[in-house]
Protein backbone atom coordinates (compact mmCIF):
# COMPACT_ATOMS: atom_id res chain seq x y z
CA MET A 1 41.13 33.40 -20.16
CA ILE A 2 41.69 36.44 -22.60
CA GLY A 3 39.20 39.33 -23.38
CA VAL A 4 38.27 42.97 -22.82
CA GLU A 5 36.54 41.92 -19.31
CA VAL A 6 39.36 39.82 -17.73
CA ASP A 7 41.68 42.70 -18.03
CA ILE A 8 39.43 45.28 -16.50
CA ALA A 9 38.59 42.82 -13.92
CA GLN A 10 42.62 42.05 -13.63
CA LEU A 11 43.20 46.28 -13.54
CA VAL A 12 39.96 46.61 -10.97
CA ALA A 13 41.85 44.05 -8.21
CA ASP A 14 45.33 45.34 -9.15
CA THR A 15 43.88 48.76 -7.71
CA LEU A 16 42.15 47.26 -5.08
CA GLY A 17 45.38 45.65 -3.72
CA LEU A 18 43.27 42.21 -4.38
CA ARG A 19 44.35 39.02 -6.22
CA LEU A 20 42.02 38.10 -9.28
CA ASP A 21 40.55 34.93 -8.91
CA LEU A 22 38.84 33.92 -12.17
CA GLN A 23 36.07 31.57 -12.56
CA PRO A 24 34.19 30.93 -15.81
CA THR A 25 30.71 29.59 -15.73
CA SER A 26 27.45 29.81 -17.97
CA TRP A 27 25.07 32.88 -18.05
CA GLU A 28 22.77 31.32 -16.09
CA ASN A 29 24.62 30.42 -13.33
CA LEU A 30 26.57 33.90 -13.06
CA PHE A 31 23.39 35.56 -11.31
CA LEU A 32 22.50 32.42 -8.98
CA SER A 33 26.66 32.42 -8.02
CA VAL A 34 27.08 36.33 -7.23
CA GLU A 35 23.29 35.87 -5.43
CA SER A 36 24.84 33.18 -3.42
CA GLY A 37 28.42 34.93 -2.44
CA GLN A 38 29.65 31.76 -4.26
CA TYR A 39 31.42 34.96 -6.73
CA ASP A 40 32.23 38.26 -5.41
CA ALA A 41 31.58 40.23 -8.33
CA GLY A 42 30.34 39.18 -11.98
CA PHE A 43 32.38 40.66 -15.16
CA SER A 44 30.63 38.81 -18.21
CA ASN A 45 29.34 42.17 -20.56
CA ILE A 46 26.51 42.17 -17.65
CA THR A 47 23.87 44.91 -19.03
CA VAL A 48 22.12 47.05 -15.97
CA THR A 49 18.36 46.83 -15.80
CA GLU A 50 15.92 47.67 -13.10
CA GLU A 51 14.62 44.09 -12.96
CA ARG A 52 18.35 42.99 -11.79
CA LYS A 53 18.78 45.63 -9.55
CA ASP A 54 16.38 44.63 -7.35
CA LYS A 55 19.11 41.82 -6.58
CA TYR A 56 22.19 43.23 -7.14
CA ASP A 57 24.55 46.60 -7.62
CA PHE A 58 26.53 47.64 -10.36
CA ALA A 59 29.21 49.95 -11.33
CA THR A 60 29.61 50.81 -14.75
CA TYR A 61 32.60 50.76 -17.13
CA ARG A 62 30.85 50.34 -20.83
CA VAL A 63 28.44 51.60 -22.87
CA ASP A 64 26.21 48.61 -24.25
CA THR A 65 26.33 47.56 -27.77
CA LEU A 66 25.12 44.73 -29.74
CA ALA A 67 26.58 44.00 -33.33
CA PHE A 68 24.33 41.60 -35.86
CA GLU A 69 26.97 39.24 -37.36
CA ALA A 70 26.98 37.44 -40.78
CA ALA A 71 28.83 35.10 -42.61
CA LYS A 72 31.81 36.87 -44.45
CA ILE A 73 30.03 35.81 -48.21
CA SER A 74 26.18 36.66 -47.20
CA PRO A 75 24.79 38.81 -49.15
CA ILE A 76 23.02 40.82 -46.34
CA GLU A 77 25.03 44.20 -45.91
CA HIS A 78 22.99 45.98 -43.42
CA ILE A 79 20.94 45.66 -40.69
CA ASP A 80 18.95 48.67 -38.48
CA LYS A 81 15.60 48.17 -38.06
CA PRO A 82 13.11 45.66 -37.45
CA ALA A 83 12.31 45.25 -41.19
CA ASP A 84 15.54 44.43 -42.08
CA VAL A 85 15.11 41.19 -40.19
CA ALA A 86 11.56 40.23 -41.34
CA GLY A 87 11.61 36.30 -42.21
CA ARG A 88 15.16 35.76 -41.53
CA THR A 89 16.81 33.14 -39.35
CA VAL A 90 18.58 34.85 -35.91
CA ALA A 91 20.36 33.05 -33.43
CA VAL A 92 20.62 34.79 -29.84
CA GLY A 93 21.38 33.97 -26.37
CA ALA A 94 18.55 32.71 -24.33
CA GLY A 95 17.39 35.02 -21.47
CA THR A 96 19.56 37.93 -22.74
CA ASN A 97 18.41 41.58 -23.32
CA GLN A 98 19.20 41.08 -27.34
CA GLU A 99 16.86 38.16 -26.92
CA GLN A 100 14.12 41.08 -25.59
CA ILE A 101 15.18 42.88 -28.42
CA LEU A 102 14.38 40.27 -31.33
CA LEU A 103 11.11 39.16 -29.87
CA ARG A 104 9.93 42.82 -29.88
CA TRP A 105 11.38 43.00 -33.24
CA ASP A 106 9.61 40.45 -34.32
CA ALA A 107 6.36 40.98 -32.74
CA GLN A 108 6.45 44.45 -34.61
CA ASN A 109 6.84 43.12 -38.18
CA LYS A 110 3.89 40.84 -37.25
CA ALA A 111 1.27 43.77 -36.24
CA ALA A 112 2.89 45.30 -39.75
CA GLY A 113 1.87 42.08 -41.71
CA LEU A 114 5.66 40.98 -42.32
CA PRO A 115 7.11 37.54 -42.06
CA PRO A 116 7.56 36.30 -38.49
CA MET A 117 11.85 35.78 -37.76
CA LYS A 118 13.28 32.41 -36.98
CA ILE A 119 14.73 32.31 -33.83
CA GLN A 120 17.36 29.68 -32.96
CA TYR A 121 19.29 29.33 -29.46
CA TYR A 122 22.71 27.59 -29.22
CA ALA A 123 24.45 26.93 -26.27
CA ALA A 124 28.05 26.86 -27.82
CA PRO A 125 29.92 29.59 -30.01
CA GLY A 126 31.19 27.15 -32.35
CA ASP A 127 27.51 25.36 -33.37
CA ARG A 128 26.78 29.15 -33.58
CA TYR A 129 29.48 29.55 -36.30
CA LEU A 130 28.76 26.63 -37.82
CA SER A 131 25.26 27.25 -38.86
CA LEU A 132 26.35 30.67 -39.64
CA ALA A 133 28.83 29.68 -42.18
CA SER A 134 26.56 26.41 -43.32
CA GLY A 135 23.85 28.69 -44.26
CA ARG A 136 21.06 26.96 -41.28
CA ILE A 137 21.41 30.40 -39.85
CA GLU A 138 21.96 34.04 -41.36
CA LEU A 139 22.50 36.25 -38.45
CA TYR A 140 23.55 36.41 -35.01
CA LEU A 141 22.63 39.25 -32.53
CA GLY A 142 25.14 39.41 -29.47
CA PRO A 143 27.40 41.64 -27.59
CA TYR A 144 29.48 43.66 -29.46
CA PRO A 145 32.45 43.09 -28.02
CA GLY A 146 32.79 39.21 -28.63
CA SER A 147 31.20 40.05 -32.50
CA ALA A 148 34.52 42.29 -33.27
CA TYR A 149 37.10 40.16 -31.69
CA HIS A 150 35.68 37.01 -34.05
CA VAL A 151 35.32 39.12 -37.19
CA ALA A 152 39.05 39.92 -36.43
CA VAL A 153 40.27 36.88 -35.41
CA LYS A 154 38.87 34.64 -37.97
CA GLY A 155 37.79 36.96 -40.88
CA ASP A 156 35.03 34.05 -42.04
CA THR A 157 32.12 36.88 -40.46
CA LYS A 158 31.16 40.52 -40.93
CA ILE A 159 29.38 42.91 -38.79
CA VAL A 160 26.35 44.09 -40.55
CA GLY A 161 24.81 46.09 -38.02
CA GLN A 162 25.08 47.58 -34.69
CA LEU A 163 22.48 49.19 -31.95
CA SER A 164 22.26 50.01 -28.65
CA GLY A 165 22.02 46.78 -25.82
CA GLY A 166 18.65 48.20 -24.98
CA GLY A 167 17.46 48.85 -28.50
CA GLU A 168 16.01 52.09 -28.88
CA ILE A 169 17.21 53.11 -24.95
CA LYS A 170 20.96 53.57 -24.13
CA ALA A 171 21.97 50.99 -22.05
CA ASP A 172 25.09 50.46 -19.86
CA ILE A 173 27.24 47.63 -18.74
CA ALA A 174 28.67 46.99 -15.35
CA ALA A 175 30.30 45.23 -12.76
CA MET A 176 27.84 43.00 -10.58
CA THR A 177 27.91 42.60 -6.87
CA LYS A 178 25.14 41.32 -4.58
CA LYS A 179 23.18 43.47 -3.69
CA GLY A 180 24.29 45.53 -0.10
CA ASN A 181 27.63 43.59 0.49
CA GLY A 182 29.42 46.94 -0.04
CA LEU A 183 31.69 45.76 -2.74
CA VAL A 184 30.30 48.12 -5.18
CA GLY A 185 31.74 51.36 -3.55
CA PRO A 186 35.28 50.19 -4.25
CA LEU A 187 34.57 48.67 -7.33
CA ASN A 188 33.30 52.25 -8.30
CA GLU A 189 35.82 53.69 -7.40
CA ALA A 190 38.79 51.94 -8.80
CA LEU A 191 36.99 51.84 -12.05
CA ASN A 192 37.31 55.75 -11.87
CA VAL A 193 41.25 55.65 -11.00
CA LEU A 194 41.51 53.71 -14.07
CA ILE A 195 39.59 56.11 -16.20
CA LYS A 196 41.51 58.78 -14.99
CA ASN A 197 45.24 57.31 -15.55
CA GLY A 198 44.49 55.94 -18.82
CA GLU A 199 44.64 52.24 -18.19
CA TYR A 200 41.08 51.89 -19.10
CA ALA A 201 41.29 53.66 -22.40
CA ARG A 202 44.34 51.82 -23.05
CA VAL A 203 42.37 47.96 -22.68
CA LEU A 204 39.55 49.38 -24.63
CA GLN A 205 42.07 50.44 -27.75
CA ARG A 206 43.79 46.95 -27.49
CA TRP A 207 40.27 45.32 -27.90
CA ASN A 208 38.77 47.85 -30.46
CA LEU A 209 36.29 48.88 -28.16
CA SER A 210 37.03 52.82 -27.90
CA ASN A 211 33.41 53.25 -29.03
CA GLU A 212 32.11 52.11 -25.94
CA ALA A 213 33.96 54.24 -23.56
CA VAL A 214 32.43 55.82 -20.45
CA ALA A 215 33.71 59.42 -18.60
CA THR A 216 32.83 57.95 -15.34
CA SER A 217 31.44 55.05 -13.68
CA ARG A 218 28.59 55.21 -11.79
CA ILE A 219 26.73 53.21 -9.35
CA ASN A 220 23.46 51.90 -9.88
CA PRO A 221 22.56 54.08 -12.61
CA PRO A 222 18.76 54.32 -14.50
CA GLY A 223 18.62 50.45 -15.83
CA LEU A 224 16.66 49.13 -19.13
CA PRO A 225 12.79 49.18 -17.81
CA ARG A 226 11.16 46.02 -16.58
CA THR A 227 9.73 43.86 -19.13
């Protein structure tokens, strides 16, 4: 496994003198696995929300940014408001904050008399990108890091819009642990050590994510409101 999450998790483990045991899992199983104690922590572009804080503790390490991705040959150039996606076919991950943003935007468009979106769900990234290439979908809304990496490596898509992971509200990405298990404090301290010594900045620069840097890691900051 590679990526900014893996690199940050490794640095945190090294700072705490622990051996990192990476376990890939689906988004659906991630939360249950942390809650059950199967996994000690989750590093997976997890947004802090008030609802999640009922069961989990969080130590922040990035600003949550989303991206609209389109095929490179697409005539779409810029997406920055609900009207820009009216009538379009858009892929998004089920059960994510970006899905909630699309649903809110779609409701606003319908209320304004604009055509509804067609929202599609894909479990596998490969299927999603095949659909983008074939024109079955026009856009994908997902975490900025994944889209930025795909654009840089594959070169067959482009980013046509960015927005906060909370839509109109600033949001934070954080390491997640089971609430009350005592791990969030050490995670927060390790992240702040990495921020101060420059290792954190070098990781973000490596993945072209310096725009998502935070000045300090916080424990359980205000999260996205309950839906």
